[in-house]
Amino acid sequence: MREEVSAGGVVVFGNAILLLKKYNGDWVLPKGKIKDNEKLEETALREVFEEGGVKAQIKKYLGKINYTFKNSRKNDEVINKTVHWYFMITRSMDCTPQKNEGFIDARFIHKDRVLDLAKYEDERKVIAKAIKEI
């Protein structure tokens, strides 16, 4: 089993949270793998910018989640993934989805609707923590 570590952000503008829509219709938070010698915070900020085109500031560490999945592109290799999440703020609602990563939309969703749209239960829990900070 391969271990992967990623970091991402729950990015807030006013009362809205950034979600990215994947080509398959799933709405998710921006996150990605750590690069060599990169700190978790640096990874989270980089991924938010790369995947959503948003410049943000970290305000608080929200915690980590763990899950296991099979990589269908590599003979169903089992990957144990840890994702570290950060509460972030931004000063602009401007966002652009990273199409080459499979994102077709990026938008700020009002905090009252965001939990209904987010695809994954573990991400919904992180979003709920962030909503308490707004």
Protein backbone atom coordinates (compact mmCIF):
# COMPACT_ATOMS: atom_id res chain seq x y z
CA MET A 1 0.00 0.00 0.00
CA ARG A 2 1.30 3.44 -0.95
CA GLU A 3 1.06 6.42 1.39
CA GLU A 4 0.13 9.87 0.04
CA VAL A 5 -0.06 13.19 1.87
CA SER A 6 -2.04 16.13 0.51
CA ALA A 7 -3.21 19.51 1.73
CA GLY A 8 -6.07 21.75 0.77
CA GLY A 9 -8.27 24.62 1.78
CA VAL A 10 -11.77 25.62 2.69
CA VAL A 11 -11.63 29.08 1.12
CA VAL A 12 -14.13 31.66 2.35
CA PHE A 13 -15.24 34.93 0.81
CA GLY A 14 -17.84 36.59 3.04
CA ASN A 15 -20.51 33.93 3.58
CA ALA A 16 -19.47 31.74 0.64
CA ILE A 17 -17.08 28.80 0.25
CA LEU A 18 -15.10 27.82 -2.85
CA LEU A 19 -16.06 24.53 -4.49
CA LEU A 20 -14.70 23.03 -7.70
CA LYS A 21 -16.86 20.99 -10.07
CA LYS A 22 -15.20 17.96 -11.63
CA TYR A 23 -15.99 16.74 -15.15
CA ASN A 24 -18.17 13.99 -13.63
CA GLY A 25 -20.35 16.53 -11.81
CA ASP A 26 -18.87 16.11 -8.31
CA TRP A 27 -18.32 19.30 -6.28
CA VAL A 28 -15.12 19.12 -4.20
CA LEU A 29 -12.67 21.24 -2.23
CA PRO A 30 -9.28 22.16 -3.72
CA LYS A 31 -6.42 19.95 -2.55
CA GLY A 32 -3.31 18.24 -3.84
CA LYS A 33 -0.14 16.32 -3.13
CA ILE A 34 2.85 17.75 -1.34
CA LYS A 35 5.89 18.42 -3.51
CA ASP A 36 9.48 17.85 -2.36
CA ASN A 37 10.48 19.95 0.67
CA GLU A 38 7.15 21.77 0.66
CA LYS A 39 5.36 22.59 3.93
CA LEU A 40 1.72 21.61 4.34
CA GLU A 41 0.65 25.25 4.37
CA GLU A 42 2.55 25.94 1.14
CA THR A 43 0.91 22.96 -0.54
CA ALA A 44 -2.57 24.05 0.53
CA LEU A 45 -2.09 27.61 -0.77
CA ARG A 46 -0.50 26.40 -4.02
CA GLU A 47 -3.29 23.92 -4.72
CA VAL A 48 -6.03 26.47 -4.03
CA PHE A 49 -4.36 28.79 -6.52
CA GLU A 50 -3.58 26.10 -9.12
CA GLU A 51 -6.97 24.37 -9.05
CA GLY A 52 -9.24 27.35 -8.48
CA GLY A 53 -7.22 30.41 -9.45
CA VAL A 54 -7.74 31.89 -5.97
CA LYS A 55 -5.14 33.69 -3.85
CA ALA A 56 -5.93 33.07 -0.20
CA GLN A 57 -4.53 33.44 3.30
CA ILE A 58 -4.49 30.67 5.89
CA LYS A 59 -6.28 31.54 9.12
CA LYS A 60 -6.49 28.20 10.92
CA TYR A 61 -5.66 24.50 10.67
CA LEU A 62 -8.92 22.50 10.51
CA GLY A 63 -7.49 19.00 10.92
CA LYS A 64 -6.79 15.99 8.76
CA ILE A 65 -8.76 13.18 7.18
CA ASN A 66 -7.64 9.72 6.12
CA TYR A 67 -9.06 7.41 3.52
CA THR A 68 -8.03 4.53 1.31
CA PHE A 69 -8.78 4.15 -2.40
CA LYS A 70 -7.77 2.07 -5.38
CA ASN A 71 -5.96 3.75 -8.25
CA SER A 72 -7.63 2.30 -11.34
CA ARG A 73 -4.88 3.80 -13.55
CA LYS A 74 -2.24 1.69 -11.78
CA ASN A 75 -3.70 -1.83 -11.58
CA ASP A 76 -5.94 -0.97 -8.62
CA GLU A 77 -2.96 -0.08 -6.44
CA VAL A 78 -4.23 0.67 -2.91
CA ILE A 79 -3.39 4.16 -1.67
CA ASN A 80 -3.73 5.34 1.92
CA LYS A 81 -4.25 9.10 1.73
CA THR A 82 -4.01 11.75 4.44
CA VAL A 83 -5.34 15.23 3.65
CA HIS A 84 -4.59 18.23 5.87
CA TRP A 85 -7.20 21.00 5.68
CA TYR A 86 -6.88 24.73 6.32
CA PHE A 87 -9.45 27.47 6.83
CA MET A 88 -8.59 30.26 4.40
CA ILE A 89 -9.96 33.63 3.43
CA THR A 90 -9.74 35.52 0.17
CA ARG A 91 -10.52 39.08 -0.84
CA SER A 92 -11.98 38.31 -4.24
CA MET A 93 -14.62 35.98 -5.64
CA ASP A 94 -12.64 35.65 -8.87
CA CYS A 95 -11.92 32.00 -9.54
CA THR A 96 -11.01 29.88 -12.56
CA PRO A 97 -11.19 26.07 -12.70
CA GLN A 98 -8.07 24.19 -13.75
CA LYS A 99 -9.41 22.37 -16.80
CA ASN A 100 -6.35 20.15 -17.33
CA GLU A 101 -7.02 18.63 -13.89
CA GLY A 102 -10.61 17.82 -14.84
CA PHE A 103 -12.36 20.79 -13.21
CA ILE A 104 -15.09 22.39 -15.30
CA ASP A 105 -16.35 25.01 -12.85
CA ALA A 106 -15.19 26.93 -9.80
CA ARG A 107 -17.49 29.08 -7.72
CA PHE A 108 -18.20 30.42 -4.28
CA ILE A 109 -21.32 28.77 -2.84
CA HIS A 110 -23.29 30.33 0.03
CA LYS A 111 -22.62 28.63 3.36
CA ASP A 112 -26.29 27.57 3.61
CA ARG A 113 -26.05 25.55 0.37
CA VAL A 114 -22.46 24.32 0.29
CA LEU A 115 -23.01 21.19 2.43
CA ASP A 116 -25.75 20.02 0.06
CA LEU A 117 -23.45 20.29 -2.96
CA ALA A 118 -20.19 18.87 -1.58
CA LYS A 119 -19.78 15.28 -2.78
CA TYR A 120 -17.81 13.58 -0.01
CA GLU A 121 -18.85 13.12 3.62
CA ASP A 122 -15.33 13.76 4.97
CA GLU A 123 -15.16 17.05 3.06
CA ARG A 124 -18.62 18.01 4.33
CA LYS A 125 -17.33 17.54 7.90
CA VAL A 126 -14.37 19.84 7.21
CA ILE A 127 -16.68 22.40 5.60
CA ALA A 128 -18.97 22.27 8.65
CA LYS A 129 -15.95 23.08 10.87
CA ALA A 130 -15.08 26.01 8.62
CA ILE A 131 -18.65 27.35 8.67
CA LYS A 132 -18.35 27.69 12.46
CA GLU A 133 -15.38 30.02 11.86
CA ILE A 134 -17.29 32.37 9.54
